Amino acid sequence: MNLPKSLRAALHLREHDDLIFRIRPDGVAEVVSATTLAQRSTGLFAHLKQEPSETDAFLAERRAESDR
């Protein structure tokens, strides 16, 4: 598929970038690069991050002791 240079520039496309075509729920067609979509998703699940478990801390201590 050939895209005009101005459109490639507007989408910040680089050579060999993958494009994703989709229809949003509001009916609008959207073209986005896979890189842009991945950047949008960064931190999407950050609210699910849990505090380190006591078990992980215990295992880290044991590993550190065995390395000495």
Protein backbone atom coordinates (compact mmCIF):
# COMPACT_ATOMS: atom_id res chain seq x y z
CA MET A 1 0.00 0.00 0.00
CA ASN A 2 1.39 3.39 -0.95
CA LEU A 3 0.68 6.36 1.28
CA PRO A 4 1.46 9.95 0.35
CA LYS A 5 4.55 11.38 2.00
CA SER A 6 2.49 13.97 3.88
CA LEU A 7 0.30 11.23 5.40
CA ARG A 8 3.34 9.13 6.37
CA ALA A 9 4.84 12.20 8.04
CA ALA A 10 1.60 12.98 9.89
CA LEU A 11 1.48 9.39 11.18
CA HIS A 12 5.20 9.52 12.12
CA LEU A 13 5.80 6.38 10.08
CA ARG A 14 9.18 4.87 9.47
CA GLU A 15 10.10 2.37 6.79
CA HIS A 16 8.62 -1.09 7.48
CA ASP A 17 6.28 0.15 10.25
CA ASP A 18 3.17 -1.98 10.63
CA LEU A 19 -0.18 -0.22 10.31
CA ILE A 20 -3.35 -1.09 12.12
CA PHE A 21 -6.69 -0.24 10.56
CA ARG A 22 -9.73 -0.31 12.80
CA ILE A 23 -13.21 1.07 13.19
CA ARG A 24 -13.83 2.74 16.53
CA PRO A 25 -17.14 2.25 18.36
CA ASP A 26 -18.23 5.71 17.19
CA GLY A 27 -17.87 4.54 13.56
CA VAL A 28 -14.71 6.49 12.76
CA ALA A 29 -12.05 4.65 10.78
CA GLU A 30 -8.61 4.94 12.31
CA VAL A 31 -5.15 4.17 10.94
CA VAL A 32 -2.35 3.98 13.49
CA SER A 33 1.13 2.53 13.51
CA ALA A 34 1.74 -0.46 15.75
CA THR A 35 4.47 1.55 17.50
CA THR A 36 2.06 4.40 18.29
CA LEU A 37 -0.56 1.95 19.56
CA ALA A 38 2.01 0.31 21.83
CA GLN A 39 3.09 3.71 23.18
CA ARG A 40 -0.54 4.58 23.94
CA SER A 41 -0.86 1.37 25.92
CA THR A 42 2.21 1.99 28.08
CA GLY A 43 1.08 2.20 31.67
CA LEU A 44 -2.43 1.06 30.82
CA PHE A 45 -2.34 -1.57 33.56
CA ALA A 46 -0.11 0.31 36.01
CA HIS A 47 -3.02 0.58 38.44
CA LEU A 48 -2.92 -3.23 38.84
CA LYS A 49 0.67 -3.25 40.10
CA GLN A 50 0.88 -4.88 43.48
CA GLU A 51 3.30 -4.18 46.27
CA PRO A 52 6.22 -6.60 46.47
CA SER A 53 5.25 -9.71 48.38
CA GLU A 54 6.92 -10.78 51.61
CA THR A 55 7.79 -14.06 49.90
CA ASP A 56 9.69 -12.24 47.14
CA ALA A 57 11.59 -10.22 49.74
CA PHE A 58 12.44 -13.38 51.70
CA LEU A 59 13.69 -15.16 48.57
CA ALA A 60 15.78 -12.14 47.57
CA GLU A 61 17.41 -12.14 51.02
CA ARG A 62 18.19 -15.84 50.78
CA ARG A 63 19.68 -15.45 47.32
CA ALA A 64 21.84 -12.56 48.53
CA GLU A 65 23.07 -14.67 51.46
CA SER A 66 23.93 -17.59 49.20
CA ASP A 67 25.89 -15.28 46.87
CA ARG A 68 28.19 -14.19 49.72
